[in-house]
Amino acid sequence: MKRVSTAWVVLGIAAVALVLAGVVSRFADSDPDGLTKVAEDQGFAHTEQSRDGLLGDYGSVTGVVGVLVVLGLAGGVTYALRRRHQREQS
């Protein structure tokens, strides 16, 4: 059985996460989320303030940026822990 390198597994997971965040979120964001639904049900949804800007609304860009931030943080923590472990080994 052929072994798959860790780098390919990480790249595959990152690709799937980015596709899900970028493409699938377009279908999911037509329905209100929990807080929006409660605001509509309670009658104060009209008081919502405009969220202009690049990340102002939920959608593909926000999802992709979120995935990249989480992957960056996870990668940074992993890198730091590996370096620390290697220093303790030597």
PDB file of N, CA and C in Angstrom:
ATOM      1  N   MET A   1       0.836  -1.172   0.000  1.00  0.00           N
ATOM      2  CA  MET A   1       0.000   0.000   0.000  1.00  0.00           C
ATOM      3  C   MET A   1       0.890   1.248   0.000  1.00  0.00           C
ATOM      4  N   LYS A   2       0.569   2.178  -0.870  1.00  0.00           N
ATOM      5  CA  LYS A   2       1.364   3.393  -0.999  1.00  0.00           C
ATOM      6  C   LYS A   2       0.977   4.397   0.079  1.00  0.00           C
ATOM      7  N   ARG A   3       1.987   5.000   0.707  1.00  0.00           N
ATOM      8  CA  ARG A   3       1.750   6.010   1.742  1.00  0.00           C
ATOM      9  C   ARG A   3       1.585   7.380   1.108  1.00  0.00           C
ATOM     10  N   VAL A   4       0.707   8.164   1.664  1.00  0.00           N
ATOM     11  CA  VAL A   4       0.469   9.527   1.200  1.00  0.00           C
ATOM     12  C   VAL A   4       1.183  10.475   2.158  1.00  0.00           C
ATOM     13  N   SER A   5       1.898  11.438   1.605  1.00  0.00           N
ATOM     14  CA  SER A   5       2.638  12.359   2.469  1.00  0.00           C
ATOM     15  C   SER A   5       1.680  13.275   3.232  1.00  0.00           C
ATOM     16  N   THR A   6       2.146  13.721   4.373  1.00  0.00           N
ATOM     17  CA  THR A   6       1.353  14.628   5.207  1.00  0.00           C
ATOM     18  C   THR A   6       1.036  15.920   4.471  1.00  0.00           C
ATOM     19  N   ALA A   7       1.968  16.401   3.669  1.00  0.00           N
ATOM     20  CA  ALA A   7       1.747  17.650   2.931  1.00  0.00           C
ATOM     21  C   ALA A   7       0.548  17.529   1.990  1.00  0.00           C
ATOM     22  N   TRP A   8       0.406  16.387   1.315  1.00  0.00           N
ATOM     23  CA  TRP A   8      -0.727  16.203   0.399  1.00  0.00           C
ATOM     24  C   TRP A   8      -2.046  16.124   1.159  1.00  0.00           C
ATOM     25  N   VAL A   9      -2.019  15.505   2.322  1.00  0.00           N
ATOM     26  CA  VAL A   9      -3.233  15.423   3.139  1.00  0.00           C
ATOM     27  C   VAL A   9      -3.643  16.820   3.602  1.00  0.00           C
ATOM     28  N   VAL A  10      -2.680  17.611   4.063  1.00  0.00           N
ATOM     29  CA  VAL A  10      -2.969  18.975   4.518  1.00  0.00           C
ATOM     30  C   VAL A  10      -3.493  19.821   3.368  1.00  0.00           C
ATOM     31  N   LEU A  11      -2.851  19.724   2.202  1.00  0.00           N
ATOM     32  CA  LEU A  11      -3.321  20.480   1.038  1.00  0.00           C
ATOM     33  C   LEU A  11      -4.730  20.062   0.628  1.00  0.00           C
ATOM     34  N   GLY A  12      -5.017  18.769   0.703  1.00  0.00           N
ATOM     35  CA  GLY A  12      -6.361  18.290   0.374  1.00  0.00           C
ATOM     36  C   GLY A  12      -7.413  18.813   1.334  1.00  0.00           C
ATOM     37  N   ILE A  13      -7.107  18.783   2.605  1.00  0.00           N
ATOM     38  CA  ILE A  13      -8.038  19.298   3.614  1.00  0.00           C
ATOM     39  C   ILE A  13      -8.252  20.797   3.421  1.00  0.00           C
ATOM     40  N   ALA A  14      -7.167  21.528   3.167  1.00  0.00           N
ATOM     41  CA  ALA A  14      -7.283  22.971   2.946  1.00  0.00           C
ATOM     42  C   ALA A  14      -8.124  23.263   1.707  1.00  0.00           C
ATOM     43  N   ALA A  15      -7.920  22.497   0.645  1.00  0.00           N
ATOM     44  CA  ALA A  15      -8.691  22.711  -0.583  1.00  0.00           C
ATOM     45  C   ALA A  15     -10.174  22.457  -0.354  1.00  0.00           C
ATOM     46  N   VAL A  16     -10.497  21.373   0.335  1.00  0.00           N
ATOM     47  CA  VAL A  16     -11.901  21.062   0.623  1.00  0.00           C
ATOM     48  C   VAL A  16     -12.522  22.150   1.489  1.00  0.00           C
ATOM     49  N   ALA A  17     -11.801  22.605   2.505  1.00  0.00           N
ATOM     50  CA  ALA A  17     -12.322  23.659   3.389  1.00  0.00           C
ATOM     51  C   ALA A  17     -12.565  24.948   2.618  1.00  0.00           C
ATOM     52  N   LEU A  18     -11.633  25.307   1.738  1.00  0.00           N
ATOM     53  CA  LEU A  18     -11.798  26.539   0.957  1.00  0.00           C
ATOM     54  C   LEU A  18     -12.957  26.433  -0.021  1.00  0.00           C
ATOM     55  N   VAL A  19     -13.130  25.273  -0.647  1.00  0.00           N
ATOM     56  CA  VAL A  19     -14.260  25.092  -1.572  1.00  0.00           C
ATOM     57  C   VAL A  19     -15.576  25.167  -0.807  1.00  0.00           C
ATOM     58  N   LEU A  20     -15.628  24.500   0.338  1.00  0.00           N
ATOM     59  CA  LEU A  20     -16.853  24.556   1.139  1.00  0.00           C
ATOM     60  C   LEU A  20     -17.160  25.984   1.583  1.00  0.00           C
ATOM     61  N   ALA A  21     -16.139  26.695   2.039  1.00  0.00           N
ATOM     62  CA  ALA A  21     -16.350  28.070   2.509  1.00  0.00           C
ATOM     63  C   ALA A  21     -16.712  28.999   1.365  1.00  0.00           C
ATOM     64  N   GLY A  22     -16.105  28.796   0.207  1.00  0.00           N
ATOM     65  CA  GLY A  22     -16.316  29.702  -0.908  1.00  0.00           C
ATOM     66  C   GLY A  22     -17.529  29.411  -1.750  1.00  0.00           C
ATOM     67  N   VAL A  23     -17.855  28.138  -1.924  1.00  0.00           N
ATOM     68  CA  VAL A  23     -18.941  27.764  -2.830  1.00  0.00           C
ATOM     69  C   VAL A  23     -20.215  27.407  -2.078  1.00  0.00           C
ATOM     70  N   VAL A  24     -20.105  26.516  -1.132  1.00  0.00           N
ATOM     71  CA  VAL A  24     -21.293  26.024  -0.438  1.00  0.00           C
ATOM     72  C   VAL A  24     -21.945  27.127   0.392  1.00  0.00           C
ATOM     73  N   SER A  25     -21.138  28.057   0.905  1.00  0.00           N
ATOM     74  CA  SER A  25     -21.711  29.140   1.712  1.00  0.00           C
ATOM     75  C   SER A  25     -22.651  30.019   0.896  1.00  0.00           C
ATOM     76  N   ARG A  26     -22.504  30.055  -0.415  1.00  0.00           N
ATOM     77  CA  ARG A  26     -23.415  30.837  -1.265  1.00  0.00           C
ATOM     78  C   ARG A  26     -24.841  30.291  -1.180  1.00  0.00           C
ATOM     79  N   PHE A  27     -24.965  28.996  -0.995  1.00  0.00           N
ATOM     80  CA  PHE A  27     -26.288  28.378  -0.892  1.00  0.00           C
ATOM     81  C   PHE A  27     -26.851  28.490   0.514  1.00  0.00           C
ATOM     82  N   ALA A  28     -25.991  28.496   1.502  1.00  0.00           N
ATOM     83  CA  ALA A  28     -26.437  28.506   2.893  1.00  0.00           C
ATOM     84  C   ALA A  28     -26.815  29.900   3.374  1.00  0.00           C
ATOM     85  N   ASP A  29     -26.295  30.942   2.751  1.00  0.00           N
ATOM     86  CA  ASP A  29     -26.494  32.246   3.348  1.00  0.00           C
ATOM     87  C   ASP A  29     -27.789  32.938   2.934  1.00  0.00           C
ATOM     88  N   SER A  30     -28.680  32.227   2.229  1.00  0.00           N
ATOM     89  CA  SER A  30     -29.982  32.814   1.907  1.00  0.00           C
ATOM     90  C   SER A  30     -30.965  32.680   3.078  1.00  0.00           C
ATOM     91  N   ASP A  31     -30.734  31.725   3.958  1.00  0.00           N
ATOM     92  CA  ASP A  31     -31.579  31.553   5.133  1.00  0.00           C
ATOM     93  C   ASP A  31     -30.981  32.324   6.305  1.00  0.00           C
ATOM     94  N   PRO A  32     -31.821  32.968   7.116  1.00  0.00           N
ATOM     95  CA  PRO A  32     -31.278  33.714   8.252  1.00  0.00           C
ATOM     96  C   PRO A  32     -30.675  32.778   9.295  1.00  0.00           C
ATOM     97  N   ASP A  33     -29.602  33.251   9.931  1.00  0.00           N
ATOM     98  CA  ASP A  33     -29.016  32.455  11.002  1.00  0.00           C
ATOM     99  C   ASP A  33     -29.831  32.639  12.280  1.00  0.00           C
ATOM    100  N   GLY A  34     -29.391  32.042  13.353  1.00  0.00           N
ATOM    101  CA  GLY A  34     -30.161  32.056  14.590  1.00  0.00           C
ATOM    102  C   GLY A  34     -30.473  33.437  15.116  1.00  0.00           C
ATOM    103  N   LEU A  35     -29.477  34.327  15.149  1.00  0.00           N
ATOM    104  CA  LEU A  35     -29.703  35.664  15.690  1.00  0.00           C
ATOM    105  C   LEU A  35     -30.617  36.490  14.795  1.00  0.00           C
ATOM    106  N   THR A  36     -30.440  36.361  13.481  1.00  0.00           N
ATOM    107  CA  THR A  36     -31.305  37.087  12.551  1.00  0.00           C
ATOM    108  C   THR A  36     -32.738  36.594  12.658  1.00  0.00           C
ATOM    109  N   LYS A  37     -32.907  35.299  12.796  1.00  0.00           N
ATOM    110  CA  LYS A  37     -34.247  34.713  12.917  1.00  0.00           C
ATOM    111  C   LYS A  37     -34.945  35.214  14.179  1.00  0.00           C
ATOM    112  N   VAL A  38     -34.232  35.254  15.279  1.00  0.00           N
ATOM    113  CA  VAL A  38     -34.812  35.752  16.530  1.00  0.00           C
ATOM    114  C   VAL A  38     -35.194  37.220  16.384  1.00  0.00           C
ATOM    115  N   ALA A  39     -34.311  38.023  15.749  1.00  0.00           N
ATOM    116  CA  ALA A  39     -34.611  39.449  15.550  1.00  0.00           C
ATOM    117  C   ALA A  39     -35.856  39.622  14.691  1.00  0.00           C
ATOM    118  N   GLU A  40     -36.013  38.785  13.660  1.00  0.00           N
ATOM    119  CA  GLU A  40     -37.212  38.862  12.821  1.00  0.00           C
ATOM    120  C   GLU A  40     -38.453  38.452  13.605  1.00  0.00           C
ATOM    121  N   ASP A  41     -38.340  37.371  14.366  1.00  0.00           N
ATOM    122  CA  ASP A  41     -39.489  36.881  15.143  1.00  0.00           C
ATOM    123  C   ASP A  41     -39.913  37.875  16.218  1.00  0.00           C
ATOM    124  N   GLN A  42     -38.958  38.568  16.827  1.00  0.00           N
ATOM    125  CA  GLN A  42     -39.258  39.510  17.905  1.00  0.00           C
ATOM    126  C   GLN A  42     -39.587  40.911  17.397  1.00  0.00           C
ATOM    127  N   GLY A  43     -39.404  41.151  16.091  1.00  0.00           N
ATOM    128  CA  GLY A  43     -39.813  42.406  15.498  1.00  0.00           C
ATOM    129  C   GLY A  43     -38.814  43.546  15.567  1.00  0.00           C
ATOM    130  N   PHE A  44     -37.543  43.253  15.833  1.00  0.00           N
ATOM    131  CA  PHE A  44     -36.570  44.348  15.846  1.00  0.00           C
ATOM    132  C   PHE A  44     -35.468  44.175  14.802  1.00  0.00           C
ATOM    133  N   ALA A  45     -35.718  43.358  13.793  1.00  0.00           N
ATOM    134  CA  ALA A  45     -34.728  43.156  12.732  1.00  0.00           C
ATOM    135  C   ALA A  45     -34.483  44.432  11.934  1.00  0.00           C
ATOM    136  N   HIS A  46     -35.469  45.314  11.876  1.00  0.00           N
ATOM    137  CA  HIS A  46     -35.331  46.555  11.114  1.00  0.00           C
ATOM    138  C   HIS A  46     -34.304  47.514  11.729  1.00  0.00           C
ATOM    139  N   THR A  47     -33.893  47.277  12.973  1.00  0.00           N
ATOM    140  CA  THR A  47     -32.925  48.158  13.624  1.00  0.00           C
ATOM    141  C   THR A  47     -31.480  47.794  13.293  1.00  0.00           C
ATOM    142  N   GLU A  48     -31.301  46.764  12.501  1.00  0.00           N
ATOM    143  CA  GLU A  48     -29.949  46.321  12.133  1.00  0.00           C
ATOM    144  C   GLU A  48     -29.201  47.435  11.407  1.00  0.00           C
ATOM    145  N   GLN A  49     -27.931  47.590  11.744  1.00  0.00           N
ATOM    146  CA  GLN A  49     -27.095  48.596  11.088  1.00  0.00           C
ATOM    147  C   GLN A  49     -26.428  47.983   9.866  1.00  0.00           C
ATOM    148  N   SER A  50     -26.192  48.804   8.865  1.00  0.00           N
ATOM    149  CA  SER A  50     -25.541  48.349   7.638  1.00  0.00           C
ATOM    150  C   SER A  50     -24.120  47.912   7.934  1.00  0.00           C
ATOM    151  N   ARG A  51     -23.713  46.817   7.311  1.00  0.00           N
ATOM    152  CA  ARG A  51     -22.356  46.302   7.481  1.00  0.00           C
ATOM    153  C   ARG A  51     -21.640  46.382   6.135  1.00  0.00           C
ATOM    154  N   ASP A  52     -21.217  47.558   5.778  1.00  0.00           N
ATOM    155  CA  ASP A  52     -20.508  47.741   4.525  1.00  0.00           C
ATOM    156  C   ASP A  52     -19.048  47.337   4.690  1.00  0.00           C
ATOM    157  N   GLY A  53     -18.432  46.975   3.589  1.00  0.00           N
ATOM    158  CA  GLY A  53     -17.017  46.637   3.617  1.00  0.00           C
ATOM    159  C   GLY A  53     -16.780  45.237   3.109  1.00  0.00           C
ATOM    160  N   LEU A  54     -15.527  44.868   3.049  1.00  0.00           N
ATOM    161  CA  LEU A  54     -15.124  43.575   2.498  1.00  0.00           C
ATOM    162  C   LEU A  54     -15.705  42.411   3.284  1.00  0.00           C
ATOM    163  N   LEU A  55     -15.656  42.481   4.601  1.00  0.00           N
ATOM    164  CA  LEU A  55     -16.135  41.374   5.425  1.00  0.00           C
ATOM    165  C   LEU A  55     -17.420  41.721   6.150  1.00  0.00           C
ATOM    166  N   GLY A  56     -18.163  42.671   5.650  1.00  0.00           N
ATOM    167  CA  GLY A  56     -19.347  43.159   6.337  1.00  0.00           C
ATOM    168  C   GLY A  56     -20.512  42.209   6.382  1.00  0.00           C
ATOM    169  N   ASP A  57     -20.603  41.288   5.469  1.00  0.00           N
ATOM    170  CA  ASP A  57     -21.742  40.386   5.423  1.00  0.00           C
ATOM    171  C   ASP A  57     -21.232  38.956   5.333  1.00  0.00           C
ATOM    172  N   TYR A  58     -22.057  38.011   5.730  1.00  0.00           N
ATOM    173  CA  TYR A  58     -21.678  36.617   5.607  1.00  0.00           C
ATOM    174  C   TYR A  58     -21.662  36.243   4.138  1.00  0.00           C
ATOM    175  N   GLY A  59     -20.735  35.418   3.748  1.00  0.00           N
ATOM    176  CA  GLY A  59     -20.679  34.986   2.367  1.00  0.00           C
ATOM    177  C   GLY A  59     -19.362  34.324   2.043  1.00  0.00           C
ATOM    178  N   SER A  60     -19.096  34.210   0.763  1.00  0.00           N
ATOM    179  CA  SER A  60     -17.918  33.481   0.298  1.00  0.00           C
ATOM    180  C   SER A  60     -16.620  34.089   0.803  1.00  0.00           C
ATOM    181  N   VAL A  61     -16.464  35.410   0.669  1.00  0.00           N
ATOM    182  CA  VAL A  61     -15.205  36.041   1.066  1.00  0.00           C
ATOM    183  C   VAL A  61     -14.976  35.862   2.557  1.00  0.00           C
ATOM    184  N   THR A  62     -16.005  36.061   3.341  1.00  0.00           N
ATOM    185  CA  THR A  62     -15.882  35.898   4.788  1.00  0.00           C
ATOM    186  C   THR A  62     -15.518  34.457   5.140  1.00  0.00           C
ATOM    187  N   GLY A  63     -16.147  33.507   4.474  1.00  0.00           N
ATOM    188  CA  GLY A  63     -15.848  32.097   4.730  1.00  0.00           C
ATOM    189  C   GLY A  63     -14.418  31.737   4.385  1.00  0.00           C
ATOM    190  N   VAL A  64     -13.941  32.213   3.226  1.00  0.00           N
ATOM    191  CA  VAL A  64     -12.572  31.917   2.804  1.00  0.00           C
ATOM    192  C   VAL A  64     -11.569  32.562   3.756  1.00  0.00           C
ATOM    193  N   VAL A  65     -11.808  33.810   4.135  1.00  0.00           N
ATOM    194  CA  VAL A  65     -10.902  34.487   5.066  1.00  0.00           C
ATOM    195  C   VAL A  65     -10.889  33.750   6.407  1.00  0.00           C
ATOM    196  N   GLY A  66     -12.046  33.320   6.867  1.00  0.00           N
ATOM    197  CA  GLY A  66     -12.110  32.565   8.121  1.00  0.00           C
ATOM    198  C   GLY A  66     -11.328  31.276   8.054  1.00  0.00           C
ATOM    199  N   VAL A  67     -11.456  30.553   6.952  1.00  0.00           N
ATOM    200  CA  VAL A  67     -10.703  29.304   6.784  1.00  0.00           C
ATOM    201  C   VAL A  67      -9.208  29.587   6.782  1.00  0.00           C
ATOM    202  N   LEU A  68      -8.799  30.619   6.053  1.00  0.00           N
ATOM    203  CA  LEU A  68      -7.372  30.950   5.989  1.00  0.00           C
ATOM    204  C   LEU A  68      -6.822  31.357   7.353  1.00  0.00           C
ATOM    205  N   VAL A  69      -7.607  32.103   8.125  1.00  0.00           N
ATOM    206  CA  VAL A  69      -7.163  32.504   9.468  1.00  0.00           C
ATOM    207  C   VAL A  69      -7.009  31.283  10.368  1.00  0.00           C
ATOM    208  N   VAL A  70      -7.995  30.395  10.354  1.00  0.00           N
ATOM    209  CA  VAL A  70      -7.941  29.194  11.199  1.00  0.00           C
ATOM    210  C   VAL A  70      -6.781  28.294  10.777  1.00  0.00           C
ATOM    211  N   LEU A  71      -6.604  28.080   9.471  1.00  0.00           N
ATOM    212  CA  LEU A  71      -5.489  27.253   9.002  1.00  0.00           C
ATOM    213  C   LEU A  71      -4.146  27.895   9.343  1.00  0.00           C
ATOM    214  N   GLY A  72      -4.063  29.220   9.237  1.00  0.00           N
ATOM    215  CA  GLY A  72      -2.825  29.910   9.598  1.00  0.00           C
ATOM    216  C   GLY A  72      -2.503  29.764  11.075  1.00  0.00           C
ATOM    217  N   LEU A  73      -3.514  29.932  11.919  1.00  0.00           N
ATOM    218  CA  LEU A  73      -3.300  29.764  13.363  1.00  0.00           C
ATOM    219  C   LEU A  73      -2.915  28.327  13.706  1.00  0.00           C
ATOM    220  N   ALA A  74      -3.619  27.372  13.121  1.00  0.00           N
ATOM    221  CA  ALA A  74      -3.305  25.966  13.382  1.00  0.00           C
ATOM    222  C   ALA A  74      -1.901  25.624  12.893  1.00  0.00           C
ATOM    223  N   GLY A  75      -1.541  26.124  11.726  1.00  0.00           N
ATOM    224  CA  GLY A  75      -0.200  25.879  11.202  1.00  0.00           C
ATOM    225  C   GLY A  75       0.873  26.518  12.060  1.00  0.00           C
ATOM    226  N   GLY A  76       0.609  27.730  12.531  1.00  0.00           N
ATOM    227  CA  GLY A  76       1.571  28.410  13.395  1.00  0.00           C
ATOM    228  C   GLY A  76       1.773  27.693  14.717  1.00  0.00           C
ATOM    229  N   VAL A  77       0.691  27.246  15.319  1.00  0.00           N
ATOM    230  CA  VAL A  77       0.792  26.504  16.584  1.00  0.00           C
ATOM    231  C   VAL A  77       1.532  25.189  16.362  1.00  0.00           C
ATOM    232  N   THR A  78       1.206  24.492  15.284  1.00  0.00           N
ATOM    233  CA  THR A  78       1.881  23.226  14.973  1.00  0.00           C
ATOM    234  C   THR A  78       3.373  23.450  14.763  1.00  0.00           C
ATOM    235  N   TYR A  79       3.732  24.475  14.010  1.00  0.00           N
ATOM    236  CA  TYR A  79       5.135  24.783  13.750  1.00  0.00           C
ATOM    237  C   TYR A  79       5.873  25.085  15.051  1.00  0.00           C
ATOM    238  N   ALA A  80       5.261  25.908  15.899  1.00  0.00           N
ATOM    239  CA  ALA A  80       5.898  26.271  17.166  1.00  0.00           C
ATOM    240  C   ALA A  80       6.085  25.052  18.067  1.00  0.00           C
ATOM    241  N   LEU A  81       5.070  24.199  18.131  1.00  0.00           N
ATOM    242  CA  LEU A  81       5.180  23.006  18.974  1.00  0.00           C
ATOM    243  C   LEU A  81       6.221  22.032  18.448  1.00  0.00           C
ATOM    244  N   ARG A  82       6.317  21.888  17.124  1.00  0.00           N
ATOM    245  CA  ARG A  82       7.330  20.998  16.555  1.00  0.00           C
ATOM    246  C   ARG A  82       8.736  21.520  16.843  1.00  0.00           C
ATOM    247  N   ARG A  83       8.930  22.826  16.697  1.00  0.00           N
ATOM    248  CA  ARG A  83      10.254  23.403  16.982  1.00  0.00           C
ATOM    249  C   ARG A  83      10.614  23.193  18.445  1.00  0.00           C
ATOM    250  N   ARG A  84       9.657  23.403  19.319  1.00  0.00           N
ATOM    251  CA  ARG A  84       9.914  23.230  20.756  1.00  0.00           C
ATOM    252  C   ARG A  84      10.270  21.781  21.053  1.00  0.00           C
ATOM    253  N   HIS A  85       9.527  20.846  20.452  1.00  0.00           N
ATOM    254  CA  HIS A  85       9.786  19.430  20.668  1.00  0.00           C
ATOM    255  C   HIS A  85      11.167  19.048  20.136  1.00  0.00           C
ATOM    256  N   GLN A  86      11.557  19.587  18.987  1.00  0.00           N
ATOM    257  CA  GLN A  86      12.868  19.280  18.414  1.00  0.00           C
ATOM    258  C   GLN A  86      13.998  19.824  19.289  1.00  0.00           C
ATOM    259  N   ARG A  87      13.794  21.020  19.868  1.00  0.00           N
ATOM    260  CA  ARG A  87      14.809  21.583  20.765  1.00  0.00           C
ATOM    261  C   ARG A  87      14.946  20.747  22.018  1.00  0.00           C
ATOM    262  N   GLU A  88      13.847  20.228  22.515  1.00  0.00           N
ATOM    263  CA  GLU A  88      13.910  19.393  23.731  1.00  0.00           C
ATOM    264  C   GLU A  88      14.567  18.061  23.442  1.00  0.00           C
ATOM    265  N   GLN A  89      14.460  17.577  22.218  1.00  0.00           N
ATOM    266  CA  GLN A  89      15.056  16.302  21.838  1.00  0.00           C
ATOM    267  C   GLN A  89      16.587  16.399  21.713  1.00  0.00           C
ATOM    268  N   SER A  90      17.098  17.596  21.331  1.00  0.00           N
ATOM    269  CA  SER A  90      18.542  17.699  21.122  1.00  0.00           C
ATOM    270  C   SER A  90      19.297  18.162  22.332  1.00  0.00           C
TER     271      SER A  90
END
